[in-house]
């Protein structure tokens, strides 16, 4: 997997550039005035922070599997400076994350899913293809080459050996007999 082999920061920056080209992913009107969580003092200084956050959320969806808003709020939270008091952790803004998830769903990069008992967003093949394309471009630029998977060729002899190999019989479990503790030998009394 090339996505795990490249720098997450570089991957997110390139994915943000690709998401800018998509018409369905746009920052809302209030995006330039809002903070990204309780732990922040001011709004983001980057003019394209919405696309960067969208790319980071897309990567987190890929890495974490079925993931919901609350887990993403925890991932994008931070410590708030309380002055002289100890710092406390606060979650990130749920409204921003929900809007981005809705936009990623509309763009076809993620979708709602129920996997076993886990409910949340998973990445679609289109979203995975986007991230893999970006990561492969980064790997080519940096000269990173992944080793090829070894090909194991099975000959008919090795297949027969595997099939004919007898299984060792199990040893029956033997319960240890409970023996009473030996009585302490009485030492002769010195006269």
Protein backbone atom coordinates (compact mmCIF):
# COMPACT_ATOMS: atom_id res chain seq x y z
CA UNK A 1 0.00 0.00 0.00
CA UNK A 2 1.59 3.23 -1.11
CA UNK A 3 -0.71 5.40 1.02
CA UNK A 4 0.98 4.20 4.22
CA UNK A 5 4.47 4.61 2.77
CA UNK A 6 4.41 8.36 2.04
CA UNK A 7 4.42 11.33 4.37
CA UNK A 8 0.86 12.08 5.58
CA UNK A 9 1.49 15.83 5.41
CA UNK A 10 2.56 15.69 1.78
CA UNK A 11 -0.31 13.35 0.90
CA UNK A 12 -2.87 15.67 2.52
CA UNK A 13 -1.46 18.75 0.75
CA UNK A 14 -1.63 17.07 -2.66
CA UNK A 15 -5.10 15.65 -1.97
CA UNK A 16 -6.29 19.14 -0.98
CA UNK A 17 -5.13 20.43 -4.37
CA UNK A 18 -7.11 17.66 -6.08
CA UNK A 19 -10.20 18.35 -3.97
CA UNK A 20 -10.13 22.03 -5.01
CA UNK A 21 -10.88 20.86 -8.55
CA UNK A 22 -14.06 19.07 -7.41
CA UNK A 23 -17.13 21.33 -7.61
CA UNK A 24 -19.04 19.53 -4.84
CA UNK A 25 -16.45 20.33 -2.18
CA UNK A 26 -16.72 24.01 -1.32
CA UNK A 27 -16.37 25.86 1.97
CA UNK A 28 -19.64 27.32 3.26
CA UNK A 29 -20.05 31.08 3.70
CA UNK A 30 -19.37 30.92 7.42
CA UNK A 31 -16.06 29.04 6.98
CA UNK A 32 -13.87 32.14 7.08
CA UNK A 33 -15.24 33.23 10.47
CA UNK A 34 -15.42 29.95 12.40
CA UNK A 35 -12.96 28.29 14.78
CA UNK A 36 -12.19 24.61 14.23
CA UNK A 37 -12.80 23.66 17.86
CA UNK A 38 -13.02 24.76 21.49
CA UNK A 39 -9.26 24.42 21.88
CA UNK A 40 -8.53 27.14 19.30
CA UNK A 41 -8.42 30.86 19.99
CA UNK A 42 -8.89 32.10 16.42
CA UNK A 43 -10.09 30.94 13.03
CA UNK A 44 -7.57 29.26 10.70
CA UNK A 45 -5.14 31.57 8.92
CA UNK A 46 -4.86 29.48 5.75
CA UNK A 47 -7.34 30.62 3.09
CA UNK A 48 -7.80 27.05 1.79
CA UNK A 49 -8.06 25.33 5.18
CA UNK A 50 -11.41 23.72 4.26
CA UNK A 51 -9.78 21.65 1.51
CA UNK A 52 -6.87 20.66 3.74
CA UNK A 53 -9.28 19.49 6.46
CA UNK A 54 -11.34 17.62 3.84
CA UNK A 55 -8.23 15.81 2.59
CA UNK A 56 -7.19 14.97 6.16
CA UNK A 57 -10.66 13.57 6.91
CA UNK A 58 -10.58 11.53 3.69
CA UNK A 59 -7.24 10.03 4.74
CA UNK A 60 -8.55 9.28 8.25
CA UNK A 61 -11.58 7.52 6.73
CA UNK A 62 -9.19 5.36 4.71
CA UNK A 63 -6.96 4.54 7.68
CA UNK A 64 -9.59 4.02 10.39
CA UNK A 65 -12.24 2.15 8.39
CA UNK A 66 -15.84 2.74 9.42
CA UNK A 67 -15.48 5.97 11.34
CA UNK A 68 -18.07 8.40 12.64
CA UNK A 69 -18.23 12.05 13.54
CA UNK A 70 -17.40 11.56 17.21
CA UNK A 71 -14.17 9.66 16.55
CA UNK A 72 -13.13 12.30 14.01
CA UNK A 73 -13.95 15.04 16.53
CA UNK A 74 -11.53 13.34 18.93
CA UNK A 75 -8.84 13.02 16.25
CA UNK A 76 -9.09 16.70 15.28
CA UNK A 77 -9.35 18.03 18.84
CA UNK A 78 -6.60 19.53 20.93
CA UNK A 79 -5.49 20.91 24.28
CA UNK A 80 -6.85 24.27 25.31
CA UNK A 81 -4.57 26.74 27.06
CA UNK A 82 -6.29 27.60 30.33
CA UNK A 83 -3.74 30.17 31.48
CA UNK A 84 -2.42 29.26 34.91
CA UNK A 85 -4.78 26.27 35.18
CA UNK A 86 -3.85 22.91 33.68
CA UNK A 87 -4.66 22.35 30.03
CA UNK A 88 -7.67 20.22 29.09
CA UNK A 89 -8.47 18.29 25.94
CA UNK A 90 -11.45 19.45 23.89
CA UNK A 91 -12.91 17.79 20.82
CA UNK A 92 -12.92 19.47 17.41
CA UNK A 93 -15.95 21.07 15.80
CA UNK A 94 -18.59 18.49 14.88
CA UNK A 95 -20.39 20.82 12.48
CA UNK A 96 -17.34 21.26 10.27
CA UNK A 97 -16.69 17.52 10.20
CA UNK A 98 -20.33 16.71 9.40
CA UNK A 99 -20.42 19.21 6.50
CA UNK A 100 -17.17 17.83 5.09
CA UNK A 101 -18.41 14.24 5.39
CA UNK A 102 -21.61 15.20 3.56
CA UNK A 103 -19.59 16.85 0.80
CA UNK A 104 -17.28 13.82 0.49
CA UNK A 105 -20.36 11.57 0.24
CA UNK A 106 -21.84 13.79 -2.47
CA UNK A 107 -18.53 13.72 -4.38
CA UNK A 108 -18.55 9.90 -4.23
CA UNK A 109 -15.32 9.64 -2.22
CA UNK A 110 -16.91 8.15 0.92
CA UNK A 111 -20.16 6.48 1.91
CA UNK A 112 -22.16 5.38 4.94
CA UNK A 113 -21.66 1.77 5.91
CA UNK A 114 -22.56 -0.77 8.55
CA UNK A 115 -19.71 -3.25 9.03
CA UNK A 116 -20.49 -5.86 11.68
CA UNK A 117 -21.33 -3.70 14.70
CA UNK A 118 -19.41 -0.64 13.48
CA UNK A 119 -21.38 2.07 11.74
CA UNK A 120 -19.75 4.99 9.98
CA UNK A 121 -18.15 6.26 6.82
CA UNK A 122 -15.87 4.13 4.68
CA UNK A 123 -13.87 5.14 1.64
CA UNK A 124 -15.25 4.27 -1.79
CA UNK A 125 -13.14 2.82 -4.61
CA UNK A 126 -13.11 6.29 -6.21
CA UNK A 127 -11.70 7.85 -3.03
CA UNK A 128 -9.15 5.08 -2.60
CA UNK A 129 -8.08 5.44 -6.22
CA UNK A 130 -7.57 9.18 -5.70
CA UNK A 131 -5.34 8.64 -2.65
CA UNK A 132 -3.39 5.81 -4.30
CA UNK A 133 -2.76 7.90 -7.42
CA UNK A 134 -1.45 10.80 -5.34
CA UNK A 135 0.74 8.53 -3.20
CA UNK A 136 2.20 6.76 -6.23
CA UNK A 137 3.08 10.15 -7.76
CA UNK A 138 4.80 11.17 -4.52
CA UNK A 139 6.69 7.87 -4.40
CA UNK A 140 7.91 8.35 -7.99
CA UNK A 141 9.11 11.88 -7.20
CA UNK A 142 10.97 10.74 -4.08
CA UNK A 143 12.34 7.57 -5.69
CA UNK A 144 10.68 5.20 -3.23
CA UNK A 145 10.36 1.68 -4.63
CA UNK A 146 8.42 -0.96 -2.77
CA UNK A 147 9.84 -4.50 -2.89
CA UNK A 148 7.91 -6.90 -5.05
CA UNK A 149 5.95 -9.63 -3.35
CA UNK A 150 7.79 -12.96 -3.58
CA UNK A 151 6.09 -15.46 -5.87
CA UNK A 152 5.90 -18.92 -4.37
CA UNK A 153 5.66 -21.62 -7.01
CA UNK A 154 4.36 -24.89 -5.68
CA UNK A 155 5.54 -28.02 -7.44
CA UNK A 156 3.38 -31.15 -7.47
CA UNK A 157 5.78 -32.83 -5.03
CA UNK A 158 5.35 -30.14 -2.39
CA UNK A 159 1.57 -30.26 -2.78
CA UNK A 160 1.61 -34.05 -2.28
CA UNK A 161 3.82 -33.71 0.77
CA UNK A 162 1.43 -31.23 2.29
CA UNK A 163 -1.55 -33.45 1.64
CA UNK A 164 0.03 -36.77 2.67
CA UNK A 165 1.69 -35.50 5.80
CA UNK A 166 0.02 -37.42 8.64
CA UNK A 167 -1.20 -35.54 11.59
CA UNK A 168 0.29 -36.49 14.92
CA UNK A 169 -2.24 -38.02 17.30
CA UNK A 170 -3.12 -35.97 20.31
CA UNK A 171 -1.87 -37.08 23.63
CA UNK A 172 -4.63 -37.81 26.10
CA UNK A 173 -4.80 -35.42 28.98
CA UNK A 174 -3.83 -37.08 32.21
CA UNK A 175 -5.11 -35.64 35.41
CA UNK A 176 -2.60 -35.46 38.14
CA UNK A 177 -3.66 -37.46 41.13
CA UNK A 178 -4.06 -35.39 44.19
CA UNK A 179 -1.59 -36.72 46.72
CA UNK A 180 -1.79 -35.65 50.30
CA UNK A 181 1.07 -33.53 51.52
CA UNK A 182 3.72 -35.71 53.19
CA UNK A 183 3.68 -35.52 56.93
CA UNK A 184 6.62 -33.66 58.33
CA UNK A 185 9.15 -36.09 59.74
CA UNK A 186 9.51 -35.58 63.40
CA UNK A 187 13.05 -34.91 64.44
CA UNK A 188 14.35 -36.84 67.48
CA UNK A 189 14.47 -34.74 70.58
CA UNK A 190 17.88 -33.98 71.97
CA UNK A 191 18.25 -35.14 75.58
